[in-house]
Each structure stands twice: as C-alpha cells, then as structure tokens.
C-alpha atoms as a PDB file:
ATOM      1  CA  UNK A   1     -16.355  44.161  15.615  1.00  0.00           C
ATOM      2  CA  UNK A   2     -16.729  40.505  14.648  1.00  0.00           C
ATOM      3  CA  UNK A   3     -14.724  37.741  16.336  1.00  0.00           C
ATOM      4  CA  UNK A   4     -14.371  34.001  15.926  1.00  0.00           C
ATOM      5  CA  UNK A   5     -13.781  31.799  18.974  1.00  0.00           C
ATOM      6  CA  UNK A   6     -12.932  28.096  18.910  1.00  0.00           C
ATOM      7  CA  UNK A   7     -12.861  25.976  22.041  1.00  0.00           C
ATOM      8  CA  UNK A   8     -12.806  22.302  22.969  1.00  0.00           C
ATOM      9  CA  UNK A   9     -14.132  20.469  26.004  1.00  0.00           C
ATOM     10  CA  UNK A  10     -14.915  17.014  27.346  1.00  0.00           C
ATOM     11  CA  UNK A  11     -18.437  15.849  28.109  1.00  0.00           C
ATOM     12  CA  UNK A  12     -19.264  14.953  31.671  1.00  0.00           C
ATOM     13  CA  UNK A  13     -20.765  11.547  32.311  1.00  0.00           C
ATOM     14  CA  UNK A  14     -24.233  11.286  30.927  1.00  0.00           C
ATOM     15  CA  UNK A  15     -26.154  10.626  27.770  1.00  0.00           C
ATOM     16  CA  UNK A  16     -24.098  12.314  25.043  1.00  0.00           C
ATOM     17  CA  UNK A  17     -27.038  12.372  22.655  1.00  0.00           C
ATOM     18  CA  UNK A  18     -29.145  14.272  25.182  1.00  0.00           C
ATOM     19  CA  UNK A  19     -26.277  16.671  25.955  1.00  0.00           C
ATOM     20  CA  UNK A  20     -25.731  17.449  22.251  1.00  0.00           C
ATOM     21  CA  UNK A  21     -29.459  17.914  21.725  1.00  0.00           C
ATOM     22  CA  UNK A  22     -29.632  20.219  24.754  1.00  0.00           C
ATOM     23  CA  UNK A  23     -26.663  22.337  23.638  1.00  0.00           C
ATOM     24  CA  UNK A  24     -27.991  22.560  20.081  1.00  0.00           C
ATOM     25  CA  UNK A  25     -31.480  23.578  21.186  1.00  0.00           C
ATOM     26  CA  UNK A  26     -30.165  26.133  23.661  1.00  0.00           C
ATOM     27  CA  UNK A  27     -27.926  27.587  20.939  1.00  0.00           C
ATOM     28  CA  UNK A  28     -30.777  27.829  18.452  1.00  0.00           C
ATOM     29  CA  UNK A  29     -32.936  29.591  21.046  1.00  0.00           C
ATOM     30  CA  UNK A  30     -30.216  32.013  22.211  1.00  0.00           C
ATOM     31  CA  UNK A  31     -27.874  32.691  19.303  1.00  0.00           C
ATOM     32  CA  UNK A  32     -30.062  34.366  16.637  1.00  0.00           C
ATOM     33  CA  UNK A  33     -31.143  37.213  18.913  1.00  0.00           C
ATOM     34  CA  UNK A  34     -27.506  37.839  19.862  1.00  0.00           C
ATOM     35  CA  UNK A  35     -26.101  37.615  16.329  1.00  0.00           C
ATOM     36  CA  UNK A  36     -24.118  34.455  17.075  1.00  0.00           C
ATOM     37  CA  UNK A  37     -23.460  31.757  14.485  1.00  0.00           C
ATOM     38  CA  UNK A  38     -21.350  28.622  14.693  1.00  0.00           C
ATOM     39  CA  UNK A  39     -20.829  24.902  14.534  1.00  0.00           C
ATOM     40  CA  UNK A  40     -20.653  22.201  17.217  1.00  0.00           C
ATOM     41  CA  UNK A  41     -18.564  19.117  16.459  1.00  0.00           C
ATOM     42  CA  UNK A  42     -18.522  16.151  18.795  1.00  0.00           C
ATOM     43  CA  UNK A  43     -17.331  12.597  19.138  1.00  0.00           C
ATOM     44  CA  UNK A  44     -17.955  10.095  21.928  1.00  0.00           C
ATOM     45  CA  UNK A  45     -16.901  12.410  24.750  1.00  0.00           C
ATOM     46  CA  UNK A  46     -15.303  15.467  23.140  1.00  0.00           C
ATOM     47  CA  UNK A  47     -16.792  18.741  21.945  1.00  0.00           C
ATOM     48  CA  UNK A  48     -15.288  21.307  19.635  1.00  0.00           C
ATOM     49  CA  UNK A  49     -17.298  24.441  18.951  1.00  0.00           C
ATOM     50  CA  UNK A  50     -16.644  27.512  16.825  1.00  0.00           C
ATOM     51  CA  UNK A  51     -18.644  30.664  17.531  1.00  0.00           C
ATOM     52  CA  UNK A  52     -18.831  33.896  15.540  1.00  0.00           C
ATOM     53  CA  UNK A  53     -20.413  37.214  16.362  1.00  0.00           C
ATOM     54  CA  UNK A  54     -19.850  40.525  18.052  1.00  0.00           C
ATOM     55  CA  UNK A  55     -16.992  40.563  20.541  1.00  0.00           C
ATOM     56  CA  UNK A  56     -19.173  41.337  23.555  1.00  0.00           C
ATOM     57  CA  UNK A  57     -21.762  38.665  22.696  1.00  0.00           C
ATOM     58  CA  UNK A  58     -19.091  35.999  22.094  1.00  0.00           C
ATOM     59  CA  UNK A  59     -17.163  36.867  25.254  1.00  0.00           C
ATOM     60  CA  UNK A  60     -20.356  36.764  27.329  1.00  0.00           C
ATOM     61  CA  UNK A  61     -21.377  33.416  25.847  1.00  0.00           C
ATOM     62  CA  UNK A  62     -17.913  31.953  26.392  1.00  0.00           C
ATOM     63  CA  UNK A  63     -17.991  32.988  30.053  1.00  0.00           C
ATOM     64  CA  UNK A  64     -21.243  30.993  30.392  1.00  0.00           C
ATOM     65  CA  UNK A  65     -19.707  28.038  28.540  1.00  0.00           C
ATOM     66  CA  UNK A  66     -16.827  27.965  31.010  1.00  0.00           C
ATOM     67  CA  UNK A  67     -19.334  27.451  33.846  1.00  0.00           C
ATOM     68  CA  UNK A  68     -21.610  24.993  31.998  1.00  0.00           C
ATOM     69  CA  UNK A  69     -21.835  21.749  34.039  1.00  0.00           C
ATOM     70  CA  UNK A  70     -22.409  19.612  30.921  1.00  0.00           C
ATOM     71  CA  UNK A  71     -18.695  19.643  30.136  1.00  0.00           C
ATOM     72  CA  UNK A  72     -15.251  20.057  31.642  1.00  0.00           C
ATOM     73  CA  UNK A  73     -11.647  20.693  30.523  1.00  0.00           C
ATOM     74  CA  UNK A  74     -12.671  23.687  28.416  1.00  0.00           C
ATOM     75  CA  UNK A  75      -9.692  24.965  26.424  1.00  0.00           C
ATOM     76  CA  UNK A  76      -9.550  28.002  24.147  1.00  0.00           C
ATOM     77  CA  UNK A  77      -8.029  26.935  20.816  1.00  0.00           C
ATOM     78  CA  UNK A  78      -8.387  30.106  18.759  1.00  0.00           C
ATOM     79  CA  UNK A  79      -9.746  33.642  19.124  1.00  0.00           C
ATOM     80  CA  UNK A  80      -9.443  36.243  16.410  1.00  0.00           C
ATOM     81  CA  UNK A  81     -10.994  39.355  14.952  1.00  0.00           C
ATOM     82  CA  UNK A  82     -12.584  38.604  11.590  1.00  0.00           C
ATOM     83  CA  UNK A  83     -13.767  40.712   8.678  1.00  0.00           C
ATOM     84  CA  UNK A  84     -16.571  38.329   7.737  1.00  0.00           C
ATOM     85  CA  UNK A  85     -18.284  35.207   9.016  1.00  0.00           C
ATOM     86  CA  UNK A  86     -17.591  31.718   7.707  1.00  0.00           C
ATOM     87  CA  UNK A  87     -20.588  30.121   9.419  1.00  0.00           C
ATOM     88  CA  UNK A  88     -23.319  32.697   8.806  1.00  0.00           C
ATOM     89  CA  UNK A  89     -25.763  30.019   7.628  1.00  0.00           C
ATOM     90  CA  UNK A  90     -25.830  28.198  10.952  1.00  0.00           C
ATOM     91  CA  UNK A  91     -27.349  29.340  14.229  1.00  0.00           C
ATOM     92  CA  UNK A  92     -25.623  26.152  15.409  1.00  0.00           C
ATOM     93  CA  UNK A  93     -24.721  23.499  12.847  1.00  0.00           C
ATOM     94  CA  UNK A  94     -23.425  20.204  14.121  1.00  0.00           C
ATOM     95  CA  UNK A  95     -21.271  17.288  13.057  1.00  0.00           C
ATOM     96  CA  UNK A  96     -20.951  13.914  14.749  1.00  0.00           C
ATOM     97  CA  UNK A  97     -17.319  13.065  14.118  1.00  0.00           C
ATOM     98  CA  UNK A  98     -17.955   9.490  15.187  1.00  0.00           C
ATOM     99  CA  UNK A  99     -19.694   9.132  11.813  1.00  0.00           C
ATOM    100  CA  UNK A 100     -17.012  10.861   9.731  1.00  0.00           C
ATOM    101  CA  UNK A 101     -14.566   8.912   7.573  1.00  0.00           C
ATOM    102  CA  UNK A 102     -11.433   8.484   9.736  1.00  0.00           C
ATOM    103  CA  UNK A 103      -9.241   9.499   6.802  1.00  0.00           C
ATOM    104  CA  UNK A 104     -10.582  13.064   7.122  1.00  0.00           C
ATOM    105  CA  UNK A 105      -9.481  13.182  10.768  1.00  0.00           C
ATOM    106  CA  UNK A 106      -6.060  11.769   9.845  1.00  0.00           C
ATOM    107  CA  UNK A 107      -5.437  14.751   7.579  1.00  0.00           C
ATOM    108  CA  UNK A 108      -5.457  17.029  10.634  1.00  0.00           C
ATOM    109  CA  UNK A 109      -4.558  14.789  13.560  1.00  0.00           C
ATOM    110  CA  UNK A 110      -2.006  12.146  14.538  1.00  0.00           C
ATOM    111  CA  UNK A 111      -4.777   9.588  15.116  1.00  0.00           C
ATOM    112  CA  UNK A 112      -8.138   9.020  13.380  1.00  0.00           C
ATOM    113  CA  UNK A 113     -10.080  10.382  16.345  1.00  0.00           C
ATOM    114  CA  UNK A 114     -11.162  13.817  17.438  1.00  0.00           C
ATOM    115  CA  UNK A 115      -8.849  15.100  20.141  1.00  0.00           C
ATOM    116  CA  UNK A 116      -8.810  18.887  19.830  1.00  0.00           C
ATOM    117  CA  UNK A 117      -6.933  19.133  23.131  1.00  0.00           C
ATOM    118  CA  UNK A 118      -3.943  17.849  21.135  1.00  0.00           C
ATOM    119  CA  UNK A 119      -4.566  19.799  17.933  1.00  0.00           C
ATOM    120  CA  UNK A 120      -3.713  23.381  17.098  1.00  0.00           C
ATOM    121  CA  UNK A 121      -6.541  25.828  16.704  1.00  0.00           C
ATOM    122  CA  UNK A 122      -5.665  26.363  13.039  1.00  0.00           C
ATOM    123  CA  UNK A 123      -5.789  22.621  12.321  1.00  0.00           C
ATOM    124  CA  UNK A 124      -9.109  22.353  14.152  1.00  0.00           C
ATOM    125  CA  UNK A 125     -10.540  25.190  12.046  1.00  0.00           C
ATOM    126  CA  UNK A 126      -9.196  23.514   8.883  1.00  0.00           C
ATOM    127  CA  UNK A 127     -10.992  20.304   9.889  1.00  0.00           C
ATOM    128  CA  UNK A 128     -14.251  22.217  10.341  1.00  0.00           C
ATOM    129  CA  UNK A 129     -13.762  23.852   6.927  1.00  0.00           C
ATOM    130  CA  UNK A 130     -13.372  20.421   5.344  1.00  0.00           C
ATOM    131  CA  UNK A 131     -16.490  19.180   7.100  1.00  0.00           C
ATOM    132  CA  UNK A 132     -18.379  22.109   5.589  1.00  0.00           C
ATOM    133  CA  UNK A 133     -16.970  21.367   2.141  1.00  0.00           C
ATOM    134  CA  UNK A 134     -17.998  17.707   2.360  1.00  0.00           C
ATOM    135  CA  UNK A 135     -21.496  18.541   3.660  1.00  0.00           C
ATOM    136  CA  UNK A 136     -20.831  16.791   6.982  1.00  0.00           C
ATOM    137  CA  UNK A 137     -22.319  19.735   8.912  1.00  0.00           C
ATOM    138  CA  UNK A 138     -26.066  19.478   9.486  1.00  0.00           C
ATOM    139  CA  UNK A 139     -28.653  21.809  10.934  1.00  0.00           C
ATOM    140  CA  UNK A 140     -28.451  24.839   8.651  1.00  0.00           C
ATOM    141  CA  UNK A 141     -30.919  27.409   9.897  1.00  0.00           C
END
C-alpha cells in the first residue's frame, strides 16, 4: 500500500544551508533502498517535506523525523493512501522558497512567505504541485 505524508517543521539554530544539504544527502542515501520518494521545500527557517512510499517505510521514516534534532515544531499536514506516486522521479527533490517568486506563495498563503504551520495540507500540496509545474524543484534522481 502506497501512502503520501506531508509535514512541516522549523529549523533549529544553525547553518540552514548545511542542514538542507545534510537532509538531502541523507535522503538520497536512505530513500532509494526503502522505496521512498519526495520533495523538501524550505525557506529561511521552515521546512516542508512530502514523502511517498510504502506505509511501513513512511511511518518508520516519520518516526525518525520526529526525533531529528535538526528541526523542531514538526506538524503533520497530510497523510493519505494513494494509488500512484506524484514524485516518483525524485529520491529527494528540493526547492528553496526564498528564491521563488512571492506571487506563487500568495496564491496559496495569506502572506508571500512559506508558513506551512498556517496553511492547510491540501494548499501546501497544491503549492508543491505548482513548483513542479514551474520547474522550481531541483535534484531529480
């Protein structure tokens, strides 16, 4: 059974560039052997990540994410059974939303900044879909 999980979190103090690089590398090392695909979006201090794969693999990974010291305020935005993957081309694609046109964020949020803690899961997924459509996601594997 395939599932899709979307969560948001806040980065702990530290070098955001190094944290993103660390998360991306760890994902690319771990995810292919566990059948996990997804996308990591981030801004100055906020992460939003969508993961797809088998239910057991996603649940196990999410339990590790909840304990990961690189971030805090982890919130589950969406979790659903799916019939097919949307992000099958990415072991872990990424988008720096600090470099995205603010008008894209305004389509899905009250302010032109990423704050998934104040967005619905469906709106967050719609934002990620638009980022895919506009080629803002990088790191296709």
